[in-house]
Amino acid sequence: MENCLFCKIIAGEIPAKKVYEDDMIVVIEDIAPVAPLHFLLIPKKHTVNSLDLSPEESPVVGHVFQVAARLAVENGMAESGFRIVNNNNAGAGQSVFHLHFHLMAGRRFTWPPG
C-alpha cells in the first residue's frame, strides 16, 4: 500500500527503531509507548486488520505470538507479565490500518482495558 505508514517502515522508506525482523514480520519500538516495554509486531504483508485475514495468513499470526513471547523473555518481562493487543477499526483504537500487535510489559495492567 503506497500510503501505509507501516508499509513504508517495512520498505525502509521511514526510519524506525527495529528490535527484530525476519521474513514474515518486523518489530519496532512504539513511538508513543504506554508501558516501559512497548513494541509493535507488524506482519510484512499488508492486511488492514484481522477482519481481512485469509486462512493462508494464520501462520503469520501464530508467529507473531511466538516472537512476542520470546521478546518478553529476552527483555526480562515474562515472569512479571505482558500483554499482546490487536485493535480492529477506529472504534477499538486502530489508528494505522495495517494489521499489527502491541506487546506491552513493565507495569501493572488493569482489566477490563480501556
N, C-alpha and C. Protein backbone atom coordinates (compact mmCIF):
# COMPACT_ATOMS: atom_id res chain seq x y z
N MET A 1 0.85 -1.19 0.00
CA MET A 1 0.00 0.00 0.00
C MET A 1 0.88 1.24 0.00
N GLU A 2 0.69 2.11 -0.92
CA GLU A 2 1.62 3.22 -1.08
C GLU A 2 1.53 4.29 0.01
N ASN A 3 0.41 4.48 0.67
CA ASN A 3 0.30 5.49 1.71
C ASN A 3 0.30 4.92 3.11
N CYS A 4 0.65 3.65 3.27
CA CYS A 4 0.62 2.99 4.56
C CYS A 4 1.93 3.24 5.31
N LEU A 5 1.82 3.82 6.49
CA LEU A 5 2.98 4.11 7.33
C LEU A 5 3.81 2.86 7.59
N PHE A 6 3.16 1.75 7.96
CA PHE A 6 3.90 0.54 8.28
C PHE A 6 4.54 -0.08 7.04
N CYS A 7 3.87 0.00 5.91
CA CYS A 7 4.48 -0.49 4.67
C CYS A 7 5.75 0.30 4.35
N LYS A 8 5.72 1.61 4.59
CA LYS A 8 6.90 2.44 4.35
C LYS A 8 8.02 2.11 5.33
N ILE A 9 7.69 1.81 6.58
CA ILE A 9 8.70 1.38 7.55
C ILE A 9 9.31 0.06 7.11
N ILE A 10 8.47 -0.89 6.72
CA ILE A 10 8.94 -2.20 6.27
C ILE A 10 9.86 -2.06 5.05
N ALA A 11 9.53 -1.15 4.14
CA ALA A 11 10.33 -0.92 2.93
C ALA A 11 11.59 -0.12 3.21
N GLY A 12 11.75 0.41 4.41
CA GLY A 12 12.92 1.21 4.74
C GLY A 12 12.81 2.66 4.32
N GLU A 13 11.63 3.09 3.93
CA GLU A 13 11.43 4.47 3.49
C GLU A 13 11.28 5.43 4.66
N ILE A 14 10.84 4.92 5.80
CA ILE A 14 10.69 5.72 7.02
C ILE A 14 11.50 5.01 8.10
N PRO A 15 12.36 5.74 8.81
CA PRO A 15 13.16 5.09 9.85
C PRO A 15 12.31 4.70 11.06
N ALA A 16 12.71 3.61 11.70
CA ALA A 16 12.07 3.14 12.93
C ALA A 16 13.12 2.36 13.72
N LYS A 17 12.94 2.29 15.01
CA LYS A 17 13.85 1.52 15.85
C LYS A 17 13.42 0.06 15.82
N LYS A 18 14.06 -0.71 14.93
CA LYS A 18 13.73 -2.13 14.80
C LYS A 18 14.40 -2.92 15.92
N VAL A 19 13.63 -3.82 16.51
CA VAL A 19 14.18 -4.70 17.54
C VAL A 19 14.24 -6.15 17.06
N TYR A 20 13.56 -6.45 15.96
CA TYR A 20 13.54 -7.80 15.41
C TYR A 20 13.01 -7.73 13.99
N GLU A 21 13.52 -8.61 13.14
CA GLU A 21 12.98 -8.73 11.78
C GLU A 21 13.29 -10.11 11.25
N ASP A 22 12.34 -10.68 10.53
CA ASP A 22 12.54 -11.92 9.80
C ASP A 22 11.75 -11.81 8.50
N ASP A 23 11.55 -12.92 7.80
CA ASP A 23 10.87 -12.86 6.51
C ASP A 23 9.37 -12.61 6.63
N MET A 24 8.78 -12.78 7.83
CA MET A 24 7.33 -12.61 7.99
C MET A 24 6.92 -11.33 8.71
N ILE A 25 7.73 -10.88 9.67
CA ILE A 25 7.34 -9.72 10.47
C ILE A 25 8.52 -8.80 10.74
N VAL A 26 8.19 -7.59 11.15
CA VAL A 26 9.17 -6.66 11.69
C VAL A 26 8.62 -6.20 13.04
N VAL A 27 9.52 -5.98 14.00
CA VAL A 27 9.13 -5.50 15.32
C VAL A 27 9.87 -4.19 15.56
N ILE A 28 9.10 -3.16 15.93
CA ILE A 28 9.69 -1.85 16.19
C ILE A 28 9.26 -1.35 17.57
N GLU A 29 10.02 -0.39 18.07
CA GLU A 29 9.62 0.29 19.30
C GLU A 29 8.47 1.24 18.98
N ASP A 30 7.47 1.28 19.83
CA ASP A 30 6.36 2.22 19.64
C ASP A 30 6.87 3.63 19.91
N ILE A 31 6.49 4.59 19.07
CA ILE A 31 6.96 5.97 19.24
C ILE A 31 6.23 6.71 20.35
N ALA A 32 5.11 6.17 20.82
CA ALA A 32 4.35 6.76 21.92
C ALA A 32 4.03 5.65 22.93
N PRO A 33 5.05 5.12 23.60
CA PRO A 33 4.83 3.95 24.47
C PRO A 33 3.90 4.25 25.64
N VAL A 34 3.09 3.24 25.98
CA VAL A 34 2.20 3.34 27.14
C VAL A 34 2.63 2.38 28.25
N ALA A 35 3.80 1.78 28.07
CA ALA A 35 4.39 0.89 29.06
C ALA A 35 5.91 0.96 28.90
N PRO A 36 6.66 0.59 29.93
CA PRO A 36 8.11 0.62 29.80
C PRO A 36 8.64 -0.20 28.61
N LEU A 37 8.00 -1.31 28.32
CA LEU A 37 8.30 -2.07 27.10
C LEU A 37 7.06 -2.00 26.24
N HIS A 38 7.20 -1.44 25.05
CA HIS A 38 6.06 -1.33 24.13
C HIS A 38 6.58 -1.46 22.71
N PHE A 39 6.40 -2.65 22.15
CA PHE A 39 6.82 -2.94 20.79
C PHE A 39 5.59 -3.15 19.91
N LEU A 40 5.76 -2.88 18.62
CA LEU A 40 4.74 -3.18 17.62
C LEU A 40 5.26 -4.33 16.75
N LEU A 41 4.47 -5.39 16.66
CA LEU A 41 4.81 -6.54 15.83
C LEU A 41 3.95 -6.44 14.57
N ILE A 42 4.60 -6.27 13.43
CA ILE A 42 3.91 -5.92 12.20
C ILE A 42 4.18 -6.97 11.12
N PRO A 43 3.15 -7.68 10.66
CA PRO A 43 3.34 -8.58 9.52
C PRO A 43 3.77 -7.77 8.29
N LYS A 44 4.67 -8.33 7.51
CA LYS A 44 5.17 -7.61 6.34
C LYS A 44 4.13 -7.51 5.23
N LYS A 45 3.25 -8.50 5.12
CA LYS A 45 2.20 -8.45 4.11
C LYS A 45 1.12 -7.47 4.58
N HIS A 46 0.75 -6.55 3.74
CA HIS A 46 -0.27 -5.57 4.12
C HIS A 46 -1.65 -6.24 4.19
N THR A 47 -2.21 -6.18 5.36
CA THR A 47 -3.58 -6.58 5.64
C THR A 47 -4.14 -5.49 6.55
N VAL A 48 -5.33 -5.02 6.30
CA VAL A 48 -5.88 -3.90 7.06
C VAL A 48 -6.01 -4.24 8.54
N ASN A 49 -6.66 -5.33 8.86
CA ASN A 49 -6.81 -5.78 10.26
C ASN A 49 -7.27 -7.23 10.26
N SER A 50 -7.61 -7.75 11.40
CA SER A 50 -7.94 -9.18 11.49
C SER A 50 -9.20 -9.54 10.70
N LEU A 51 -10.04 -8.56 10.39
CA LEU A 51 -11.23 -8.82 9.58
C LEU A 51 -10.86 -9.22 8.16
N ASP A 52 -9.67 -8.84 7.72
CA ASP A 52 -9.23 -9.11 6.36
C ASP A 52 -8.27 -10.29 6.24
N LEU A 53 -8.02 -10.99 7.35
CA LEU A 53 -7.09 -12.12 7.32
C LEU A 53 -7.65 -13.27 6.50
N SER A 54 -6.80 -13.85 5.70
CA SER A 54 -7.19 -15.06 4.95
C SER A 54 -6.67 -16.27 5.72
N PRO A 55 -7.24 -17.45 5.47
CA PRO A 55 -6.74 -18.65 6.14
C PRO A 55 -5.24 -18.88 5.92
N GLU A 56 -4.73 -18.47 4.77
CA GLU A 56 -3.31 -18.65 4.46
C GLU A 56 -2.42 -17.80 5.36
N GLU A 57 -2.97 -16.76 5.98
CA GLU A 57 -2.18 -15.87 6.84
C GLU A 57 -2.15 -16.33 8.29
N SER A 58 -2.87 -17.37 8.63
CA SER A 58 -2.89 -17.86 10.02
C SER A 58 -1.50 -18.14 10.57
N PRO A 59 -0.58 -18.73 9.80
CA PRO A 59 0.76 -18.96 10.36
C PRO A 59 1.48 -17.68 10.80
N VAL A 60 1.21 -16.57 10.12
CA VAL A 60 1.85 -15.31 10.49
C VAL A 60 1.38 -14.87 11.88
N VAL A 61 0.09 -15.02 12.15
CA VAL A 61 -0.44 -14.62 13.45
C VAL A 61 0.16 -15.48 14.56
N GLY A 62 0.25 -16.77 14.33
CA GLY A 62 0.91 -17.64 15.30
C GLY A 62 2.35 -17.25 15.52
N HIS A 63 3.03 -16.90 14.45
CA HIS A 63 4.44 -16.47 14.53
C HIS A 63 4.56 -15.19 15.34
N VAL A 64 3.63 -14.25 15.17
CA VAL A 64 3.63 -13.02 15.95
C VAL A 64 3.62 -13.33 17.44
N PHE A 65 2.76 -14.25 17.86
CA PHE A 65 2.66 -14.59 19.28
C PHE A 65 3.92 -15.29 19.78
N GLN A 66 4.53 -16.11 18.95
CA GLN A 66 5.78 -16.77 19.35
C GLN A 66 6.91 -15.76 19.51
N VAL A 67 7.02 -14.83 18.58
CA VAL A 67 8.06 -13.80 18.67
C VAL A 67 7.79 -12.88 19.87
N ALA A 68 6.54 -12.53 20.10
CA ALA A 68 6.20 -11.68 21.24
C ALA A 68 6.63 -12.35 22.55
N ALA A 69 6.34 -13.63 22.68
CA ALA A 69 6.73 -14.35 23.90
C ALA A 69 8.25 -14.37 24.05
N ARG A 70 8.95 -14.62 22.96
CA ARG A 70 10.42 -14.64 23.02
C ARG A 70 10.97 -13.28 23.40
N LEU A 71 10.41 -12.20 22.85
CA LEU A 71 10.86 -10.86 23.20
C LEU A 71 10.57 -10.52 24.66
N ALA A 72 9.42 -10.99 25.17
CA ALA A 72 9.10 -10.77 26.58
C ALA A 72 10.14 -11.46 27.46
N VAL A 73 10.51 -12.68 27.11
CA VAL A 73 11.53 -13.42 27.88
C VAL A 73 12.87 -12.70 27.78
N GLU A 74 13.29 -12.36 26.57
CA GLU A 74 14.59 -11.71 26.35
C GLU A 74 14.71 -10.37 27.07
N ASN A 75 13.59 -9.70 27.26
CA ASN A 75 13.60 -8.39 27.92
C ASN A 75 13.26 -8.47 29.41
N GLY A 76 13.22 -9.68 29.95
CA GLY A 76 13.00 -9.87 31.37
C GLY A 76 11.59 -9.56 31.84
N MET A 77 10.62 -9.68 30.96
CA MET A 77 9.24 -9.30 31.29
C MET A 77 8.28 -10.49 31.38
N ALA A 78 8.74 -11.69 31.12
CA ALA A 78 7.84 -12.84 31.07
C ALA A 78 7.25 -13.16 32.44
N GLU A 79 8.06 -13.18 33.46
CA GLU A 79 7.58 -13.57 34.79
C GLU A 79 6.62 -12.55 35.39
N SER A 80 6.88 -11.28 35.17
CA SER A 80 6.01 -10.25 35.74
C SER A 80 4.73 -10.07 34.94
N GLY A 81 4.73 -10.54 33.70
CA GLY A 81 3.53 -10.49 32.86
C GLY A 81 3.64 -9.49 31.72
N PHE A 82 2.94 -9.80 30.65
CA PHE A 82 2.92 -8.93 29.48
C PHE A 82 1.57 -9.04 28.80
N ARG A 83 1.30 -8.10 27.94
CA ARG A 83 0.02 -8.07 27.22
C ARG A 83 0.29 -7.94 25.73
N ILE A 84 -0.49 -8.67 24.93
CA ILE A 84 -0.46 -8.56 23.48
C ILE A 84 -1.84 -8.07 23.05
N VAL A 85 -1.88 -6.97 22.30
CA VAL A 85 -3.15 -6.33 21.93
C VAL A 85 -3.21 -6.15 20.42
N ASN A 86 -4.38 -6.37 19.87
CA ASN A 86 -4.66 -6.12 18.46
C ASN A 86 -5.97 -5.34 18.37
N ASN A 87 -5.91 -4.12 17.87
CA ASN A 87 -7.10 -3.29 17.72
C ASN A 87 -7.62 -3.40 16.28
N ASN A 88 -8.95 -3.46 16.14
CA ASN A 88 -9.57 -3.61 14.83
C ASN A 88 -10.58 -2.51 14.59
N ASN A 89 -10.23 -1.60 13.70
CA ASN A 89 -11.02 -0.44 13.30
C ASN A 89 -10.93 0.68 14.33
N ALA A 90 -11.32 1.87 13.91
CA ALA A 90 -11.11 3.08 14.70
C ALA A 90 -11.80 3.04 16.06
N GLY A 91 -12.98 2.46 16.15
CA GLY A 91 -13.70 2.42 17.41
C GLY A 91 -12.99 1.62 18.49
N ALA A 92 -12.09 0.73 18.07
CA ALA A 92 -11.31 -0.06 19.02
C ALA A 92 -9.92 0.52 19.23
N GLY A 93 -9.62 1.63 18.57
CA GLY A 93 -8.33 2.29 18.76
C GLY A 93 -7.33 2.07 17.65
N GLN A 94 -7.71 1.41 16.56
CA GLN A 94 -6.76 1.23 15.47
C GLN A 94 -6.55 2.56 14.76
N SER A 95 -5.30 3.01 14.70
CA SER A 95 -5.01 4.29 14.04
C SER A 95 -4.17 4.11 12.78
N VAL A 96 -3.46 3.00 12.67
CA VAL A 96 -2.74 2.67 11.44
C VAL A 96 -3.41 1.42 10.88
N PHE A 97 -3.93 1.52 9.69
CA PHE A 97 -4.74 0.44 9.13
C PHE A 97 -3.89 -0.55 8.34
N HIS A 98 -2.98 -1.15 9.09
CA HIS A 98 -2.13 -2.26 8.67
C HIS A 98 -2.08 -3.15 9.90
N LEU A 99 -2.46 -4.40 9.76
CA LEU A 99 -2.51 -5.33 10.89
C LEU A 99 -1.22 -5.25 11.71
N HIS A 100 -1.38 -5.08 13.02
CA HIS A 100 -0.22 -5.06 13.92
C HIS A 100 -0.68 -5.41 15.32
N PHE A 101 0.29 -5.77 16.14
CA PHE A 101 0.04 -6.19 17.50
C PHE A 101 0.95 -5.42 18.43
N HIS A 102 0.43 -5.01 19.58
CA HIS A 102 1.20 -4.31 20.59
C HIS A 102 1.66 -5.32 21.63
N LEU A 103 2.95 -5.33 21.92
CA LEU A 103 3.50 -6.09 23.05
C LEU A 103 3.85 -5.06 24.11
N MET A 104 3.19 -5.17 25.27
CA MET A 104 3.41 -4.20 26.34
C MET A 104 3.74 -4.95 27.63
N ALA A 105 4.67 -4.38 28.40
CA ALA A 105 5.06 -5.00 29.66
C ALA A 105 5.80 -3.97 30.50
N GLY A 106 6.04 -4.34 31.76
CA GLY A 106 6.83 -3.48 32.64
C GLY A 106 6.01 -2.62 33.57
N ARG A 107 4.71 -2.77 33.56
CA ARG A 107 3.85 -2.08 34.51
C ARG A 107 2.62 -2.95 34.76
N ARG A 108 1.86 -2.60 35.76
CA ARG A 108 0.64 -3.34 36.09
C ARG A 108 -0.47 -2.90 35.13
N PHE A 109 -1.16 -3.86 34.56
CA PHE A 109 -2.28 -3.57 33.66
C PHE A 109 -3.59 -3.89 34.40
N THR A 110 -4.62 -3.16 34.04
CA THR A 110 -5.92 -3.37 34.67
C THR A 110 -6.83 -4.11 33.72
N TRP A 111 -7.92 -4.63 34.29
CA TRP A 111 -8.94 -5.31 33.50
C TRP A 111 -10.30 -4.86 33.98
N PRO A 112 -11.22 -4.51 33.13
CA PRO A 112 -11.08 -4.52 31.68
C PRO A 112 -10.23 -3.35 31.19
N PRO A 113 -9.60 -3.52 30.03
CA PRO A 113 -8.78 -2.44 29.48
C PRO A 113 -9.66 -1.33 28.93
N GLY A 114 -9.04 -0.17 28.74
CA GLY A 114 -9.60 0.98 28.06
C GLY A 114 -10.93 1.41 28.48
